[in-house]
Amino acid sequence: MTRLLIVETSPRGDASVSRNMARRFLADWRATHPGGEVVERDLMETNLAFVSAPWLQAYFTPPEHHTPEMKEALALSDELVAELLNADEIAISTPVYNYNVPALLKAWIDHIVRKGLTLGHDGSGLVTGKKATVLLASGGVYTEGSPIATRDMATPYLRLILNVIGIKDVTFVAGGGAKAVDLGETTMSDFVGRLDGEIKAAAA
């Protein structure tokens, strides 16, 4: 049985382009993976704290020396890492804010990049043999050929992080120009529909 972990970040609910892209991806994924399991991690519904001094103290302390307080500090991080390691495929659905990922997605990344669990002590990635799909929604268009393509920090950052932890098979579906939906220049259905082919191919 194939297991998919999907991580969603947008606070906009049904009005979110990235979440609508994720729904289309999930429908296609389920169609091509009958019997597959989906684990949904909605960061807006996760009490995800930013890295703190107690968290870092626990992180840099060998597990055999962890106090109950240290174990508690890392409990959610351990849960998030387990979700990642137990998945066969990962999908990340996110808006782009000011050319990069939202703070909550960066917080998730800080929790799952863990020496000895997802990253070797020699710097090698331990999350191997997995496929990732990144569904990006941005107001601007940053794909190749765009005059503002160099402003895209989200794509190279996510590719770098995923590669660092060992995920080399990464597909990006860029929903650039998503502000057209908010401006009423197109409907959500039509906008996401234009990405159908890319989403279906990524879900296959």
Protein backbone atom coordinates (compact mmCIF):
# COMPACT_ATOMS: atom_id res chain seq x y z
CA MET A 1 0.00 0.00 0.00
CA THR A 2 1.36 3.39 -1.02
CA ARG A 3 1.18 6.14 1.59
CA LEU A 4 1.02 9.84 0.67
CA LEU A 5 1.78 12.62 3.14
CA ILE A 6 0.30 15.94 2.09
CA VAL A 7 1.33 19.10 3.91
CA GLU A 8 -0.89 22.18 3.48
CA THR A 9 -0.11 25.69 4.65
CA SER A 10 -2.62 28.25 3.39
CA PRO A 11 -4.88 30.04 5.92
CA ARG A 12 -7.51 30.81 3.26
CA GLY A 13 -9.62 27.66 3.23
CA ASP A 14 -11.83 27.30 0.15
CA ALA A 15 -10.49 30.61 -1.20
CA SER A 16 -6.95 29.21 -1.33
CA VAL A 17 -5.59 28.43 -4.78
CA SER A 18 -2.91 26.12 -3.35
CA ARG A 19 -5.52 24.15 -1.40
CA ASN A 20 -7.66 23.80 -4.51
CA MET A 21 -4.60 22.58 -6.39
CA ALA A 22 -4.07 20.06 -3.58
CA ARG A 23 -7.66 18.82 -3.86
CA ARG A 24 -7.19 18.24 -7.58
CA PHE A 25 -3.89 16.48 -6.93
CA LEU A 26 -5.46 14.25 -4.26
CA ALA A 27 -8.33 13.27 -6.56
CA ASP A 28 -5.87 12.29 -9.29
CA TRP A 29 -3.57 10.54 -6.83
CA ARG A 30 -6.38 8.45 -5.38
CA ALA A 31 -7.50 7.52 -8.90
CA THR A 32 -4.03 6.20 -9.76
CA HIS A 33 -3.34 4.66 -6.35
CA PRO A 34 -6.43 2.64 -5.45
CA GLY A 35 -6.15 1.50 -1.87
CA GLY A 36 -3.45 4.08 -1.15
CA GLU A 37 -3.40 5.82 2.22
CA VAL A 38 -3.37 9.61 2.61
CA VAL A 39 -2.03 11.35 5.70
CA GLU A 40 -3.01 15.01 5.77
CA ARG A 41 -0.95 17.48 7.81
CA ASP A 42 -2.66 20.88 7.87
CA LEU A 43 -0.20 23.30 9.40
CA MET A 44 -2.99 25.77 10.11
CA GLU A 45 -4.50 23.19 12.46
CA THR A 46 -1.20 22.13 14.00
CA ASN A 47 0.05 23.81 17.15
CA LEU A 48 3.43 24.28 15.52
CA ALA A 49 5.78 26.40 17.60
CA PHE A 50 8.83 28.05 16.11
CA VAL A 51 12.20 26.72 17.20
CA SER A 52 12.93 27.88 20.76
CA ALA A 53 15.80 27.67 23.25
CA PRO A 54 14.30 24.60 25.05
CA TRP A 55 13.77 22.91 21.67
CA LEU A 56 17.37 23.55 20.65
CA GLN A 57 18.69 22.32 23.99
CA ALA A 58 16.75 19.09 23.50
CA TYR A 59 17.89 18.84 19.88
CA PHE A 60 21.58 19.07 20.79
CA THR A 61 21.31 16.67 23.74
CA PRO A 62 21.84 12.96 22.98
CA PRO A 63 18.50 11.11 23.24
CA GLU A 64 19.75 8.88 26.06
CA HIS A 65 20.20 12.01 28.17
CA HIS A 66 16.81 13.57 27.46
CA THR A 67 14.82 14.75 30.44
CA PRO A 68 11.00 14.47 30.39
CA GLU A 69 10.92 18.17 29.52
CA MET A 70 13.24 17.63 26.57
CA LYS A 71 11.14 14.74 25.31
CA GLU A 72 8.07 16.97 25.52
CA ALA A 73 9.85 19.77 23.64
CA LEU A 74 10.59 17.39 20.75
CA ALA A 75 7.33 15.42 20.82
CA LEU A 76 5.62 17.19 17.93
CA SER A 77 8.84 17.28 15.93
CA ASP A 78 9.17 13.51 16.43
CA GLU A 79 5.59 13.07 15.20
CA LEU A 80 6.21 15.17 12.10
CA VAL A 81 9.43 13.31 11.31
CA ALA A 82 7.65 9.95 11.69
CA GLU A 83 4.95 11.08 9.24
CA LEU A 84 7.62 11.99 6.71
CA LEU A 85 9.64 8.81 7.13
CA ASN A 86 6.55 6.58 6.95
CA ALA A 87 5.36 8.13 3.68
CA ASP A 88 6.20 6.80 0.23
CA GLU A 89 5.31 10.10 -1.42
CA ILE A 90 5.11 13.66 -0.14
CA ALA A 91 3.09 16.57 -1.48
CA ILE A 92 3.53 20.12 -0.23
CA SER A 93 0.81 22.63 -1.04
CA THR A 94 1.71 26.23 -0.33
CA PRO A 95 1.16 29.83 -1.28
CA VAL A 96 4.15 32.08 -1.93
CA TYR A 97 4.46 35.11 0.34
CA ASN A 98 6.90 37.84 -0.67
CA TYR A 99 8.72 35.45 -3.00
CA ASN A 100 9.23 32.69 -0.42
CA VAL A 101 7.36 30.12 1.66
CA PRO A 102 5.08 31.09 4.59
CA ALA A 103 6.56 31.13 8.08
CA LEU A 104 4.58 28.05 9.12
CA LEU A 105 6.04 25.96 6.32
CA LYS A 106 9.53 27.13 7.31
CA ALA A 107 8.68 26.09 10.89
CA TRP A 108 7.65 22.61 9.66
CA ILE A 109 10.93 22.34 7.78
CA ASP A 110 12.86 23.31 10.91
CA HIS A 111 11.06 20.52 12.79
CA ILE A 112 11.67 17.79 10.21
CA VAL A 113 15.31 18.48 9.36
CA ARG A 114 16.73 16.45 12.24
CA LYS A 115 20.29 15.16 12.56
CA GLY A 116 20.27 11.40 13.02
CA LEU A 117 16.68 11.06 11.74
CA THR A 118 16.33 12.78 8.37
CA LEU A 119 19.88 14.08 8.03
CA GLY A 120 23.01 12.06 8.66
CA HIS A 121 25.70 13.36 10.95
CA ASP A 122 27.90 13.49 7.85
CA GLY A 123 25.35 15.74 6.11
CA SER A 124 23.88 13.01 3.90
CA GLY A 125 20.11 12.83 3.42
CA LEU A 126 18.38 9.89 5.10
CA VAL A 127 14.93 10.32 3.51
CA THR A 128 15.66 8.32 0.38
CA GLY A 129 13.57 6.47 -2.19
CA LYS A 130 10.67 8.91 -1.98
CA LYS A 131 8.96 11.18 -4.48
CA ALA A 132 7.82 14.73 -3.72
CA THR A 133 5.41 17.08 -5.44
CA VAL A 134 5.28 20.79 -4.61
CA LEU A 135 2.11 22.69 -5.52
CA LEU A 136 2.85 26.41 -5.49
CA ALA A 137 0.34 29.26 -5.84
CA SER A 138 1.74 32.75 -6.34
CA GLY A 139 0.35 36.11 -7.31
CA GLY A 140 3.22 36.70 -9.70
CA VAL A 141 4.52 34.47 -12.47
CA TYR A 142 8.07 33.31 -11.80
CA THR A 143 8.52 30.49 -14.28
CA GLU A 144 11.34 30.45 -16.83
CA GLY A 145 11.09 33.33 -19.26
CA SER A 146 9.29 35.65 -16.87
CA PRO A 147 10.99 39.04 -16.37
CA ILE A 148 10.71 38.49 -12.60
CA ALA A 149 11.76 34.83 -12.56
CA THR A 150 14.80 35.61 -10.42
CA ARG A 151 12.54 36.76 -7.58
CA ASP A 152 11.38 33.21 -6.93
CA MET A 153 13.00 32.09 -3.69
CA ALA A 154 10.41 29.43 -2.83
CA THR A 155 11.21 26.95 -5.60
CA PRO A 156 15.01 26.76 -5.15
CA TYR A 157 14.64 26.79 -1.37
CA LEU A 158 12.21 23.86 -1.28
CA ARG A 159 14.22 21.95 -3.88
CA LEU A 160 17.37 22.48 -1.78
CA ILE A 161 15.74 21.36 1.49
CA LEU A 162 14.17 18.26 -0.05
CA ASN A 163 17.46 17.33 -1.72
CA VAL A 164 19.41 17.88 1.50
CA ILE A 165 17.26 15.37 3.38
CA GLY A 166 17.55 12.88 0.50
CA ILE A 167 14.51 13.45 -1.73
CA LYS A 168 15.84 13.86 -5.27
CA ASP A 169 12.67 13.11 -7.26
CA VAL A 170 10.84 16.44 -6.92
CA THR A 171 8.15 17.83 -9.23
CA PHE A 172 6.97 21.43 -9.04
CA VAL A 173 3.58 22.58 -10.30
CA ALA A 174 3.60 26.38 -10.42
CA GLY A 175 0.25 28.14 -10.19
CA GLY A 176 1.62 31.56 -11.11
CA GLY A 177 -0.72 34.51 -11.62
CA ALA A 178 -3.11 33.27 -8.94
CA LYS A 179 -4.08 36.85 -8.08
CA ALA A 180 -6.34 36.70 -11.14
CA VAL A 181 -8.74 34.58 -9.06
CA ASP A 182 -8.91 37.19 -6.28
CA LEU A 183 -9.35 39.98 -8.82
CA GLY A 184 -12.30 38.14 -10.40
CA GLU A 185 -10.53 37.84 -13.75
CA THR A 186 -11.02 34.07 -13.74
CA THR A 187 -12.75 31.48 -11.60
CA MET A 188 -11.00 29.13 -9.21
CA SER A 189 -12.18 26.18 -11.27
CA ASP A 190 -10.84 27.61 -14.53
CA PHE A 191 -7.52 28.62 -12.99
CA VAL A 192 -6.85 25.23 -11.42
CA GLY A 193 -8.25 23.55 -14.52
CA ARG A 194 -5.47 25.07 -16.61
CA LEU A 195 -3.01 23.15 -14.44
CA ASP A 196 -4.86 19.86 -14.86
CA GLY A 197 -2.27 18.22 -17.09
CA GLU A 198 0.67 19.07 -14.83
CA ILE A 199 -1.18 18.03 -11.69
CA LYS A 200 -2.34 14.75 -13.20
CA ALA A 201 1.18 13.92 -14.38
CA ALA A 202 2.61 14.69 -10.94
CA ALA A 203 0.01 12.47 -9.26
CA ALA A 204 0.60 9.52 -11.58
